[in-house]
Amino acid sequence: MKSPSERQCKKGHRYLKSSNCPTCPTCEKERLAQHGAFSTLAAPAQRALEHHGIVQAKDLCAYSEKELLQWHGIGPSSIPKLKIILQEAGLQLKQE
């Protein structure tokens, strides 16, 4: 494993990273705090939803489980959490 190097994001946050990942941990925490209903999901799943324009639970209803699993960042462990979020809103995923 590479030794960590100090980096600075566009907002001026300084952090250490040992990988090539450009994500600032401070910016990521701020971004994740804005996701309300999706806050129980792992960061990659939240980014996947954000990338596909999913901002509310009702937006998920347009997709099936099979479609969601094709997205980078959405894995088998995300699906039960998404179903709970939908169930609490009285919604469900699109049927295949």
C-alpha atoms as a PDB file:
ATOM      1  CA  MET A   1       0.000   0.000   0.000  1.00  0.00           C
ATOM      2  CA  LYS A   2       1.201   3.469  -0.887  1.00  0.00           C
ATOM      3  CA  SER A   3       2.023   5.856   1.899  1.00  0.00           C
ATOM      4  CA  PRO A   4      -0.559   8.610   2.278  1.00  0.00           C
ATOM      5  CA  SER A   5       0.042  11.939   0.616  1.00  0.00           C
ATOM      6  CA  GLU A   6      -1.482  15.239   1.650  1.00  0.00           C
ATOM      7  CA  ARG A   7      -4.031  16.698  -0.758  1.00  0.00           C
ATOM      8  CA  GLN A   8      -6.296  19.712  -0.911  1.00  0.00           C
ATOM      9  CA  CYS A   9      -9.735  19.777  -2.527  1.00  0.00           C
ATOM     10  CA  LYS A  10     -11.270  22.652  -4.501  1.00  0.00           C
ATOM     11  CA  LYS A  11     -12.979  23.903  -1.325  1.00  0.00           C
ATOM     12  CA  GLY A  12      -9.641  24.070   0.520  1.00  0.00           C
ATOM     13  CA  HIS A  13     -10.043  21.001   2.763  1.00  0.00           C
ATOM     14  CA  ARG A  14      -6.736  19.259   3.455  1.00  0.00           C
ATOM     15  CA  TYR A  15      -6.704  15.461   3.791  1.00  0.00           C
ATOM     16  CA  LEU A  16      -4.446  12.415   3.443  1.00  0.00           C
ATOM     17  CA  LYS A  17      -5.026   9.786   0.740  1.00  0.00           C
ATOM     18  CA  SER A  18      -3.018   6.713  -0.179  1.00  0.00           C
ATOM     19  CA  SER A  19      -5.044   5.853  -3.289  1.00  0.00           C
ATOM     20  CA  ASN A  20      -5.766   7.677  -6.549  1.00  0.00           C
ATOM     21  CA  CYS A  21      -9.320   8.408  -5.396  1.00  0.00           C
ATOM     22  CA  PRO A  22      -9.914  12.167  -5.690  1.00  0.00           C
ATOM     23  CA  THR A  23     -12.795  12.264  -3.188  1.00  0.00           C
ATOM     24  CA  CYS A  24     -12.309  14.651  -0.279  1.00  0.00           C
ATOM     25  CA  PRO A  25     -13.569  13.009   2.941  1.00  0.00           C
ATOM     26  CA  THR A  26     -14.900  16.303   4.330  1.00  0.00           C
ATOM     27  CA  CYS A  27     -16.788  17.177   1.135  1.00  0.00           C
ATOM     28  CA  GLU A  28     -18.158  13.628   0.994  1.00  0.00           C
ATOM     29  CA  LYS A  29     -19.542  13.882   4.551  1.00  0.00           C
ATOM     30  CA  GLU A  30     -21.185  17.208   3.710  1.00  0.00           C
ATOM     31  CA  ARG A  31     -22.688  15.768   0.519  1.00  0.00           C
ATOM     32  CA  LEU A  32     -23.988  12.630   2.232  1.00  0.00           C
ATOM     33  CA  ALA A  33     -25.665  14.658   4.968  1.00  0.00           C
ATOM     34  CA  GLN A  34     -27.939  16.145   2.306  1.00  0.00           C
ATOM     35  CA  HIS A  35     -29.388  12.773   1.228  1.00  0.00           C
ATOM     36  CA  GLY A  36     -32.104  12.395   3.856  1.00  0.00           C
ATOM     37  CA  ALA A  37     -33.959   9.155   3.128  1.00  0.00           C
ATOM     38  CA  PHE A  38     -30.928   7.634   1.434  1.00  0.00           C
ATOM     39  CA  SER A  39     -28.553   8.354   4.334  1.00  0.00           C
ATOM     40  CA  THR A  40     -28.650   4.683   5.422  1.00  0.00           C
ATOM     41  CA  LEU A  41     -27.021   3.624   2.155  1.00  0.00           C
ATOM     42  CA  ALA A  42     -23.292   3.295   1.610  1.00  0.00           C
ATOM     43  CA  ALA A  43     -21.619   6.236  -0.119  1.00  0.00           C
ATOM     44  CA  PRO A  44     -21.182   4.424  -3.480  1.00  0.00           C
ATOM     45  CA  ALA A  45     -24.911   3.632  -3.578  1.00  0.00           C
ATOM     46  CA  GLN A  46     -25.790   7.233  -2.728  1.00  0.00           C
ATOM     47  CA  ARG A  47     -23.506   8.469  -5.501  1.00  0.00           C
ATOM     48  CA  ALA A  48     -25.104   6.022  -7.952  1.00  0.00           C
ATOM     49  CA  LEU A  49     -28.570   7.317  -7.130  1.00  0.00           C
ATOM     50  CA  GLU A  50     -27.372  10.904  -7.389  1.00  0.00           C
ATOM     51  CA  HIS A  51     -25.734  10.152 -10.754  1.00  0.00           C
ATOM     52  CA  HIS A  52     -29.049   8.806 -12.084  1.00  0.00           C
ATOM     53  CA  GLY A  53     -31.075  11.751 -10.790  1.00  0.00           C
ATOM     54  CA  ILE A  54     -32.734   9.869  -7.937  1.00  0.00           C
ATOM     55  CA  VAL A  55     -33.371  12.458  -5.236  1.00  0.00           C
ATOM     56  CA  GLN A  56     -36.601  11.171  -3.670  1.00  0.00           C
ATOM     57  CA  ALA A  57     -37.941   7.717  -2.886  1.00  0.00           C
ATOM     58  CA  LYS A  58     -40.682   8.102  -5.519  1.00  0.00           C
ATOM     59  CA  ASP A  59     -37.967   8.434  -8.203  1.00  0.00           C
ATOM     60  CA  LEU A  60     -36.937   4.815  -7.525  1.00  0.00           C
ATOM     61  CA  CYS A  61     -40.337   3.491  -8.626  1.00  0.00           C
ATOM     62  CA  ALA A  62     -39.300   3.885 -12.274  1.00  0.00           C
ATOM     63  CA  TYR A  63     -36.663   1.156 -11.892  1.00  0.00           C
ATOM     64  CA  SER A  64     -36.695  -2.573 -11.228  1.00  0.00           C
ATOM     65  CA  GLU A  65     -34.321  -4.378  -8.891  1.00  0.00           C
ATOM     66  CA  LYS A  66     -32.560  -5.855 -11.925  1.00  0.00           C
ATOM     67  CA  GLU A  67     -32.037  -2.385 -13.442  1.00  0.00           C
ATOM     68  CA  LEU A  68     -30.697  -0.935 -10.191  1.00  0.00           C
ATOM     69  CA  LEU A  69     -28.212  -3.775  -9.771  1.00  0.00           C
ATOM     70  CA  GLN A  70     -26.660  -2.852 -13.120  1.00  0.00           C
ATOM     71  CA  TRP A  71     -25.611   0.553 -11.781  1.00  0.00           C
ATOM     72  CA  HIS A  72     -22.070   0.975 -10.502  1.00  0.00           C
ATOM     73  CA  GLY A  73     -22.333   1.480  -6.741  1.00  0.00           C
ATOM     74  CA  ILE A  74     -25.585  -0.447  -6.240  1.00  0.00           C
ATOM     75  CA  GLY A  75     -24.989  -3.965  -4.969  1.00  0.00           C
ATOM     76  CA  PRO A  76     -27.063  -6.756  -3.455  1.00  0.00           C
ATOM     77  CA  SER A  77     -26.781  -5.242   0.035  1.00  0.00           C
ATOM     78  CA  SER A  78     -28.321  -1.957  -1.190  1.00  0.00           C
ATOM     79  CA  ILE A  79     -31.554  -3.499  -2.449  1.00  0.00           C
ATOM     80  CA  PRO A  80     -33.091  -4.433   0.939  1.00  0.00           C
ATOM     81  CA  LYS A  81     -32.318  -0.923   2.252  1.00  0.00           C
ATOM     82  CA  LEU A  82     -33.916   0.654  -0.819  1.00  0.00           C
ATOM     83  CA  LYS A  83     -36.986  -1.555  -0.404  1.00  0.00           C
ATOM     84  CA  ILE A  84     -37.345  -0.440   3.223  1.00  0.00           C
ATOM     85  CA  ILE A  85     -37.092   3.213   2.172  1.00  0.00           C
ATOM     86  CA  LEU A  86     -39.783   2.620  -0.446  1.00  0.00           C
ATOM     87  CA  GLN A  87     -41.989   0.640   1.919  1.00  0.00           C
ATOM     88  CA  GLU A  88     -41.874   3.454   4.493  1.00  0.00           C
ATOM     89  CA  ALA A  89     -43.071   5.810   1.741  1.00  0.00           C
ATOM     90  CA  GLY A  90     -45.824   3.408   0.623  1.00  0.00           C
ATOM     91  CA  LEU A  91     -44.024   2.698  -2.662  1.00  0.00           C
ATOM     92  CA  GLN A  92     -42.314  -0.188  -4.421  1.00  0.00           C
ATOM     93  CA  LEU A  93     -39.834  -0.866  -7.204  1.00  0.00           C
ATOM     94  CA  LYS A  94     -41.046  -1.382 -10.760  1.00  0.00           C
ATOM     95  CA  GLN A  95     -42.039  -4.997 -11.348  1.00  0.00           C
ATOM     96  CA  GLU A  96     -39.889  -6.896 -13.841  1.00  0.00           C
END
